[in-house]
Amino acid sequence: MSLQAFFAQNVQLETIEEFTVSDRFKDDNGAPISWKLRTLSEEENEEIRKASTQYVKGRGGQRLPETKPEVYMAKIAAACVVYPDLKNAELQNSYNVHGAETLLKKMLLAGEYAALLGKVQELNGFDRDMEELVEEVKN
């Protein structure tokens, strides 16, 4: 096997997939509009994790990091949505909110939001357990 396969120019760094989050968003013909979702690099994931972490007082006055899962997942989801543009001020104003994460929560019903989070996790490989990965590597 060649090491060339691992060189940056030979690897697909980002994947974009379409996903219909909800049937409530329709085009001019009444058909549901698919959203475009992208994958994240581990570097982006780390930045999001850091932004979702706060420090709390622990025993003996130690400062311990605590990542809030709901904040982390909202940031991951917002970072993965390419279309619609969640950073668009006009779109945010139409829902009377500021910020991509807040917009997502305002736009979507609870089940739709959960489906989006599930798709984002799947797209980024968070849905696969270690046994699946080991089997794939074996083959």
N, C-alpha and C. Protein backbone atom coordinates (compact mmCIF):
# COMPACT_ATOMS: atom_id res chain seq x y z
N MET A 1 0.84 -1.19 0.00
CA MET A 1 0.00 0.00 0.00
C MET A 1 0.88 1.24 0.00
N SER A 2 0.36 2.26 -0.62
CA SER A 2 1.10 3.49 -0.76
C SER A 2 0.68 4.50 0.30
N LEU A 3 1.64 5.21 0.81
CA LEU A 3 1.38 6.26 1.78
C LEU A 3 0.69 7.45 1.11
N GLN A 4 0.76 7.51 -0.21
CA GLN A 4 0.16 8.59 -0.99
C GLN A 4 -1.34 8.73 -0.70
N ALA A 5 -2.00 7.64 -0.40
CA ALA A 5 -3.44 7.67 -0.14
C ALA A 5 -3.80 8.55 1.05
N PHE A 6 -2.83 8.78 1.93
CA PHE A 6 -3.09 9.57 3.12
C PHE A 6 -2.72 11.05 2.95
N PHE A 7 -2.12 11.42 1.85
CA PHE A 7 -1.74 12.81 1.61
C PHE A 7 -3.00 13.65 1.46
N ALA A 8 -2.94 14.87 1.98
CA ALA A 8 -4.10 15.76 2.01
C ALA A 8 -4.75 15.92 0.64
N GLN A 9 -3.96 16.03 -0.41
CA GLN A 9 -4.52 16.24 -1.74
C GLN A 9 -5.26 15.01 -2.27
N ASN A 10 -5.10 13.86 -1.62
CA ASN A 10 -5.73 12.62 -2.07
C ASN A 10 -6.90 12.19 -1.18
N VAL A 11 -7.24 13.00 -0.20
CA VAL A 11 -8.28 12.64 0.76
C VAL A 11 -9.44 13.60 0.64
N GLN A 12 -10.64 13.06 0.68
CA GLN A 12 -11.83 13.91 0.69
C GLN A 12 -11.94 14.48 2.10
N LEU A 13 -11.71 15.78 2.23
CA LEU A 13 -11.67 16.40 3.54
C LEU A 13 -13.05 16.74 4.08
N GLU A 14 -13.98 17.05 3.19
CA GLU A 14 -15.31 17.45 3.64
C GLU A 14 -16.36 16.78 2.76
N THR A 15 -17.41 16.31 3.40
CA THR A 15 -18.53 15.72 2.68
C THR A 15 -19.74 16.61 2.92
N ILE A 16 -20.51 16.83 1.87
CA ILE A 16 -21.77 17.58 2.01
C ILE A 16 -22.89 16.65 1.58
N GLU A 17 -23.90 16.55 2.44
CA GLU A 17 -25.04 15.68 2.18
C GLU A 17 -26.33 16.48 2.32
N GLU A 18 -27.33 16.08 1.55
CA GLU A 18 -28.64 16.71 1.68
C GLU A 18 -29.49 15.88 2.63
N PHE A 19 -30.32 16.58 3.40
CA PHE A 19 -31.17 15.92 4.39
C PHE A 19 -32.44 16.75 4.55
N THR A 20 -33.58 16.10 4.46
CA THR A 20 -34.84 16.80 4.66
C THR A 20 -35.16 16.77 6.15
N VAL A 21 -34.93 17.90 6.78
CA VAL A 21 -35.14 18.01 8.22
C VAL A 21 -36.63 18.03 8.55
N SER A 22 -37.39 18.70 7.69
CA SER A 22 -38.82 18.86 7.96
C SER A 22 -39.59 19.02 6.66
N ASP A 23 -40.81 18.54 6.66
CA ASP A 23 -41.70 18.74 5.51
C ASP A 23 -42.36 20.11 5.57
N ARG A 24 -42.11 20.87 6.63
CA ARG A 24 -42.75 22.17 6.79
C ARG A 24 -42.12 23.26 5.92
N PHE A 25 -40.88 23.07 5.50
CA PHE A 25 -40.20 24.05 4.65
C PHE A 25 -40.34 23.59 3.20
N LYS A 26 -41.11 24.34 2.41
CA LYS A 26 -41.44 23.90 1.05
C LYS A 26 -40.96 24.90 0.01
N ASP A 27 -40.64 24.38 -1.18
CA ASP A 27 -40.27 25.26 -2.30
C ASP A 27 -41.54 25.79 -2.97
N ASP A 28 -41.37 26.50 -4.07
CA ASP A 28 -42.51 27.11 -4.77
C ASP A 28 -43.51 26.09 -5.30
N ASN A 29 -43.06 24.85 -5.51
CA ASN A 29 -43.93 23.79 -6.01
C ASN A 29 -44.56 22.95 -4.90
N GLY A 30 -44.26 23.30 -3.65
CA GLY A 30 -44.83 22.58 -2.52
C GLY A 30 -44.02 21.36 -2.09
N ALA A 31 -42.85 21.16 -2.68
CA ALA A 31 -41.99 20.03 -2.31
C ALA A 31 -41.10 20.42 -1.13
N PRO A 32 -40.87 19.48 -0.21
CA PRO A 32 -39.99 19.78 0.93
C PRO A 32 -38.58 20.15 0.45
N ILE A 33 -38.00 21.13 1.12
CA ILE A 33 -36.66 21.60 0.79
C ILE A 33 -35.64 20.85 1.64
N SER A 34 -34.64 20.28 0.97
CA SER A 34 -33.56 19.60 1.68
C SER A 34 -32.55 20.61 2.21
N TRP A 35 -32.04 20.33 3.37
CA TRP A 35 -30.96 21.13 3.94
C TRP A 35 -29.65 20.51 3.50
N LYS A 36 -28.59 21.29 3.47
CA LYS A 36 -27.26 20.78 3.15
C LYS A 36 -26.44 20.77 4.42
N LEU A 37 -25.87 19.60 4.72
CA LEU A 37 -25.07 19.41 5.93
C LEU A 37 -23.66 19.01 5.54
N ARG A 38 -22.69 19.47 6.29
CA ARG A 38 -21.30 19.14 6.00
C ARG A 38 -20.65 18.44 7.20
N THR A 39 -19.56 17.78 6.92
CA THR A 39 -18.78 17.15 7.97
C THR A 39 -17.85 18.18 8.60
N LEU A 40 -17.38 17.88 9.80
CA LEU A 40 -16.44 18.74 10.52
C LEU A 40 -15.12 18.01 10.70
N SER A 41 -14.04 18.76 10.72
CA SER A 41 -12.74 18.18 11.04
C SER A 41 -12.64 18.08 12.56
N GLU A 42 -11.71 17.28 13.04
CA GLU A 42 -11.51 17.18 14.48
C GLU A 42 -11.04 18.52 15.04
N GLU A 43 -10.31 19.27 14.25
CA GLU A 43 -9.87 20.60 14.69
C GLU A 43 -11.07 21.51 14.98
N GLU A 44 -12.06 21.49 14.08
CA GLU A 44 -13.28 22.27 14.29
C GLU A 44 -14.05 21.74 15.51
N ASN A 45 -14.09 20.42 15.65
CA ASN A 45 -14.77 19.80 16.78
C ASN A 45 -14.15 20.25 18.10
N GLU A 46 -12.83 20.30 18.16
CA GLU A 46 -12.14 20.74 19.38
C GLU A 46 -12.48 22.18 19.72
N GLU A 47 -12.51 23.04 18.71
CA GLU A 47 -12.87 24.44 18.94
C GLU A 47 -14.28 24.56 19.50
N ILE A 48 -15.19 23.78 18.94
CA ILE A 48 -16.58 23.80 19.41
C ILE A 48 -16.66 23.25 20.83
N ARG A 49 -15.92 22.18 21.12
CA ARG A 49 -15.92 21.61 22.47
C ARG A 49 -15.41 22.63 23.48
N LYS A 50 -14.33 23.34 23.12
CA LYS A 50 -13.78 24.37 24.02
C LYS A 50 -14.79 25.48 24.25
N ALA A 51 -15.49 25.87 23.20
CA ALA A 51 -16.49 26.93 23.31
C ALA A 51 -17.71 26.49 24.13
N SER A 52 -17.87 25.19 24.29
CA SER A 52 -19.01 24.64 25.04
C SER A 52 -18.62 24.24 26.45
N THR A 53 -17.38 24.54 26.83
CA THR A 53 -16.87 24.14 28.13
C THR A 53 -16.73 25.34 29.04
N GLN A 54 -17.18 25.16 30.25
CA GLN A 54 -16.98 26.20 31.26
C GLN A 54 -16.25 25.56 32.43
N TYR A 55 -15.67 26.37 33.24
CA TYR A 55 -14.94 25.85 34.40
C TYR A 55 -15.75 26.08 35.66
N VAL A 56 -15.86 25.01 36.46
CA VAL A 56 -16.62 25.07 37.70
C VAL A 56 -15.68 24.75 38.86
N LYS A 57 -16.07 25.24 40.02
CA LYS A 57 -15.26 24.98 41.20
C LYS A 57 -15.45 23.55 41.66
N GLY A 58 -14.33 22.91 41.90
CA GLY A 58 -14.37 21.54 42.41
C GLY A 58 -13.87 21.51 43.84
N ARG A 59 -13.52 20.34 44.30
CA ARG A 59 -12.99 20.17 45.66
C ARG A 59 -11.68 20.94 45.81
N GLY A 60 -11.51 21.51 46.95
CA GLY A 60 -10.28 22.23 47.25
C GLY A 60 -10.08 23.47 46.40
N GLY A 61 -11.16 23.99 45.83
CA GLY A 61 -11.06 25.20 45.03
C GLY A 61 -10.52 24.98 43.63
N GLN A 62 -10.34 23.71 43.24
CA GLN A 62 -9.87 23.43 41.88
C GLN A 62 -10.90 23.85 40.86
N ARG A 63 -10.40 24.32 39.71
CA ARG A 63 -11.29 24.64 38.60
C ARG A 63 -11.31 23.44 37.67
N LEU A 64 -12.50 22.89 37.49
CA LEU A 64 -12.65 21.70 36.66
C LEU A 64 -13.45 22.03 35.40
N PRO A 65 -13.01 21.50 34.24
CA PRO A 65 -13.76 21.75 33.01
C PRO A 65 -15.05 20.94 32.98
N GLU A 66 -16.12 21.58 32.52
CA GLU A 66 -17.40 20.90 32.40
C GLU A 66 -18.01 21.29 31.05
N THR A 67 -18.18 20.29 30.19
CA THR A 67 -18.77 20.53 28.88
C THR A 67 -20.27 20.31 28.97
N LYS A 68 -21.01 21.29 28.52
CA LYS A 68 -22.48 21.19 28.52
C LYS A 68 -22.90 20.50 27.22
N PRO A 69 -23.41 19.26 27.31
CA PRO A 69 -23.75 18.51 26.10
C PRO A 69 -24.76 19.20 25.19
N GLU A 70 -25.77 19.85 25.75
CA GLU A 70 -26.78 20.50 24.91
C GLU A 70 -26.20 21.70 24.16
N VAL A 71 -25.28 22.41 24.78
CA VAL A 71 -24.61 23.55 24.12
C VAL A 71 -23.69 23.02 23.03
N TYR A 72 -22.93 21.97 23.37
CA TYR A 72 -21.99 21.37 22.42
C TYR A 72 -22.73 20.87 21.18
N MET A 73 -23.83 20.13 21.35
CA MET A 73 -24.56 19.58 20.21
C MET A 73 -25.21 20.68 19.38
N ALA A 74 -25.70 21.73 20.01
CA ALA A 74 -26.30 22.85 19.27
C ALA A 74 -25.25 23.53 18.40
N LYS A 75 -24.05 23.70 18.94
CA LYS A 75 -22.96 24.33 18.18
C LYS A 75 -22.50 23.43 17.03
N ILE A 76 -22.43 22.12 17.29
CA ILE A 76 -22.04 21.16 16.25
C ILE A 76 -23.07 21.20 15.11
N ALA A 77 -24.35 21.15 15.47
CA ALA A 77 -25.41 21.16 14.46
C ALA A 77 -25.34 22.44 13.62
N ALA A 78 -25.22 23.58 14.28
CA ALA A 78 -25.18 24.85 13.56
C ALA A 78 -23.96 24.93 12.64
N ALA A 79 -22.84 24.39 13.09
CA ALA A 79 -21.62 24.42 12.27
C ALA A 79 -21.74 23.51 11.05
N CYS A 80 -22.55 22.47 11.15
CA CYS A 80 -22.69 21.52 10.05
C CYS A 80 -23.71 21.96 9.00
N VAL A 81 -24.63 22.84 9.36
CA VAL A 81 -25.65 23.27 8.41
C VAL A 81 -25.03 24.30 7.45
N VAL A 82 -25.01 23.93 6.17
CA VAL A 82 -24.51 24.81 5.12
C VAL A 82 -25.67 25.60 4.52
N TYR A 83 -26.79 24.91 4.33
CA TYR A 83 -27.98 25.54 3.77
C TYR A 83 -29.19 25.02 4.51
N PRO A 84 -30.02 25.89 5.03
CA PRO A 84 -30.02 27.33 4.89
C PRO A 84 -28.88 27.99 5.67
N ASP A 85 -28.52 29.20 5.28
CA ASP A 85 -27.46 29.94 5.94
C ASP A 85 -27.98 30.46 7.28
N LEU A 86 -27.62 29.77 8.34
CA LEU A 86 -28.13 30.12 9.66
C LEU A 86 -27.55 31.42 10.20
N LYS A 87 -26.49 31.90 9.58
CA LYS A 87 -25.86 33.16 10.02
C LYS A 87 -26.48 34.37 9.31
N ASN A 88 -27.40 34.12 8.40
CA ASN A 88 -28.03 35.19 7.64
C ASN A 88 -28.89 36.04 8.58
N ALA A 89 -28.57 37.34 8.64
CA ALA A 89 -29.27 38.25 9.56
C ALA A 89 -30.76 38.35 9.24
N GLU A 90 -31.10 38.34 7.96
CA GLU A 90 -32.51 38.43 7.57
C GLU A 90 -33.30 37.22 8.05
N LEU A 91 -32.68 36.03 7.92
CA LEU A 91 -33.34 34.81 8.39
C LEU A 91 -33.50 34.84 9.91
N GLN A 92 -32.45 35.25 10.61
CA GLN A 92 -32.52 35.35 12.07
C GLN A 92 -33.58 36.36 12.50
N ASN A 93 -33.63 37.50 11.81
CA ASN A 93 -34.61 38.53 12.14
C ASN A 93 -36.04 38.04 11.93
N SER A 94 -36.24 37.19 10.92
CA SER A 94 -37.59 36.69 10.66
C SER A 94 -38.12 35.84 11.82
N TYR A 95 -37.19 35.24 12.57
CA TYR A 95 -37.57 34.45 13.76
C TYR A 95 -37.36 35.24 15.04
N ASN A 96 -36.90 36.50 14.89
CA ASN A 96 -36.65 37.38 16.02
C ASN A 96 -35.63 36.79 17.01
N VAL A 97 -34.53 36.25 16.46
CA VAL A 97 -33.46 35.67 17.28
C VAL A 97 -32.11 36.15 16.75
N HIS A 98 -31.09 35.94 17.56
CA HIS A 98 -29.71 36.23 17.17
C HIS A 98 -28.88 34.99 17.45
N GLY A 99 -28.13 34.55 16.46
CA GLY A 99 -27.25 33.39 16.62
C GLY A 99 -27.80 32.16 15.94
N ALA A 100 -26.88 31.41 15.32
CA ALA A 100 -27.26 30.22 14.56
C ALA A 100 -27.89 29.13 15.42
N GLU A 101 -27.31 28.91 16.60
CA GLU A 101 -27.84 27.85 17.48
C GLU A 101 -29.26 28.18 17.93
N THR A 102 -29.47 29.42 18.30
CA THR A 102 -30.80 29.86 18.74
C THR A 102 -31.80 29.77 17.60
N LEU A 103 -31.36 30.14 16.41
CA LEU A 103 -32.22 30.07 15.23
C LEU A 103 -32.69 28.64 14.98
N LEU A 104 -31.76 27.69 15.04
CA LEU A 104 -32.14 26.28 14.82
C LEU A 104 -33.23 25.84 15.78
N LYS A 105 -33.06 26.20 17.04
CA LYS A 105 -34.03 25.78 18.06
C LYS A 105 -35.39 26.46 17.87
N LYS A 106 -35.38 27.65 17.30
CA LYS A 106 -36.63 28.37 17.06
C LYS A 106 -37.32 27.86 15.79
N MET A 107 -36.53 27.52 14.77
CA MET A 107 -37.07 27.07 13.48
C MET A 107 -37.70 25.69 13.55
N LEU A 108 -37.10 24.80 14.32
CA LEU A 108 -37.46 23.39 14.28
C LEU A 108 -38.31 22.95 15.46
N LEU A 109 -39.17 22.00 15.19
CA LEU A 109 -39.92 21.33 16.26
C LEU A 109 -38.95 20.41 16.99
N ALA A 110 -39.31 19.98 18.17
CA ALA A 110 -38.42 19.15 18.99
C ALA A 110 -37.96 17.89 18.26
N GLY A 111 -38.87 17.19 17.62
CA GLY A 111 -38.52 15.96 16.89
C GLY A 111 -37.65 16.24 15.68
N GLU A 112 -37.89 17.36 15.01
CA GLU A 112 -37.08 17.75 13.86
C GLU A 112 -35.66 18.07 14.30
N TYR A 113 -35.55 18.78 15.41
CA TYR A 113 -34.23 19.12 15.96
C TYR A 113 -33.48 17.84 16.33
N ALA A 114 -34.17 16.90 16.95
CA ALA A 114 -33.55 15.62 17.33
C ALA A 114 -33.10 14.87 16.08
N ALA A 115 -33.91 14.89 15.02
CA ALA A 115 -33.54 14.21 13.76
C ALA A 115 -32.31 14.86 13.15
N LEU A 116 -32.25 16.20 13.19
CA LEU A 116 -31.08 16.91 12.67
C LEU A 116 -29.83 16.53 13.46
N LEU A 117 -29.93 16.51 14.78
CA LEU A 117 -28.79 16.13 15.62
C LEU A 117 -28.34 14.71 15.29
N GLY A 118 -29.30 13.81 15.10
CA GLY A 118 -28.96 12.43 14.76
C GLY A 118 -28.23 12.34 13.44
N LYS A 119 -28.69 13.08 12.44
CA LYS A 119 -28.06 13.07 11.12
C LYS A 119 -26.66 13.68 11.18
N VAL A 120 -26.50 14.74 11.94
CA VAL A 120 -25.19 15.38 12.09
C VAL A 120 -24.21 14.41 12.76
N GLN A 121 -24.67 13.71 13.77
CA GLN A 121 -23.81 12.73 14.43
C GLN A 121 -23.43 11.61 13.48
N GLU A 122 -24.39 11.12 12.72
CA GLU A 122 -24.13 10.06 11.75
C GLU A 122 -23.14 10.52 10.69
N LEU A 123 -23.35 11.69 10.15
CA LEU A 123 -22.50 12.23 9.10
C LEU A 123 -21.06 12.38 9.55
N ASN A 124 -20.87 12.70 10.83
CA ASN A 124 -19.53 12.92 11.37
C ASN A 124 -18.94 11.68 12.04
N GLY A 125 -19.63 10.56 11.93
CA GLY A 125 -19.09 9.30 12.44
C GLY A 125 -19.28 9.06 13.92
N PHE A 126 -20.10 9.89 14.59
CA PHE A 126 -20.33 9.71 16.02
C PHE A 126 -21.32 8.59 16.31
N ASP A 127 -22.01 8.09 15.30
CA ASP A 127 -23.03 7.07 15.51
C ASP A 127 -22.47 5.67 15.48
N ARG A 128 -21.20 5.54 15.14
CA ARG A 128 -20.61 4.21 14.98
C ARG A 128 -19.92 3.80 16.27
N ASP A 129 -20.18 2.58 16.70
CA ASP A 129 -19.51 2.13 17.91
C ASP A 129 -18.17 1.49 17.55
N MET A 130 -17.39 1.23 18.56
CA MET A 130 -16.03 0.74 18.36
C MET A 130 -16.00 -0.60 17.65
N GLU A 131 -16.96 -1.47 17.91
CA GLU A 131 -16.99 -2.79 17.26
C GLU A 131 -17.17 -2.65 15.75
N GLU A 132 -18.04 -1.73 15.32
CA GLU A 132 -18.24 -1.50 13.89
C GLU A 132 -16.95 -1.03 13.24
N LEU A 133 -16.25 -0.12 13.91
CA LEU A 133 -15.00 0.40 13.36
C LEU A 133 -13.94 -0.69 13.24
N VAL A 134 -13.86 -1.56 14.24
CA VAL A 134 -12.89 -2.66 14.22
C VAL A 134 -13.20 -3.61 13.07
N GLU A 135 -14.48 -3.93 12.88
CA GLU A 135 -14.88 -4.81 11.77
C GLU A 135 -14.53 -4.19 10.43
N GLU A 136 -14.78 -2.88 10.29
CA GLU A 136 -14.48 -2.20 9.03
C GLU A 136 -12.98 -2.22 8.75
N VAL A 137 -12.19 -2.01 9.77
CA VAL A 137 -10.73 -2.02 9.61
C VAL A 137 -10.25 -3.41 9.21
N LYS A 138 -10.85 -4.44 9.79
CA LYS A 138 -10.47 -5.81 9.45
C LYS A 138 -10.71 -6.11 7.98
N ASN A 139 -11.81 -5.61 7.45
CA ASN A 139 -12.15 -5.87 6.04
C ASN A 139 -11.36 -4.91 5.20
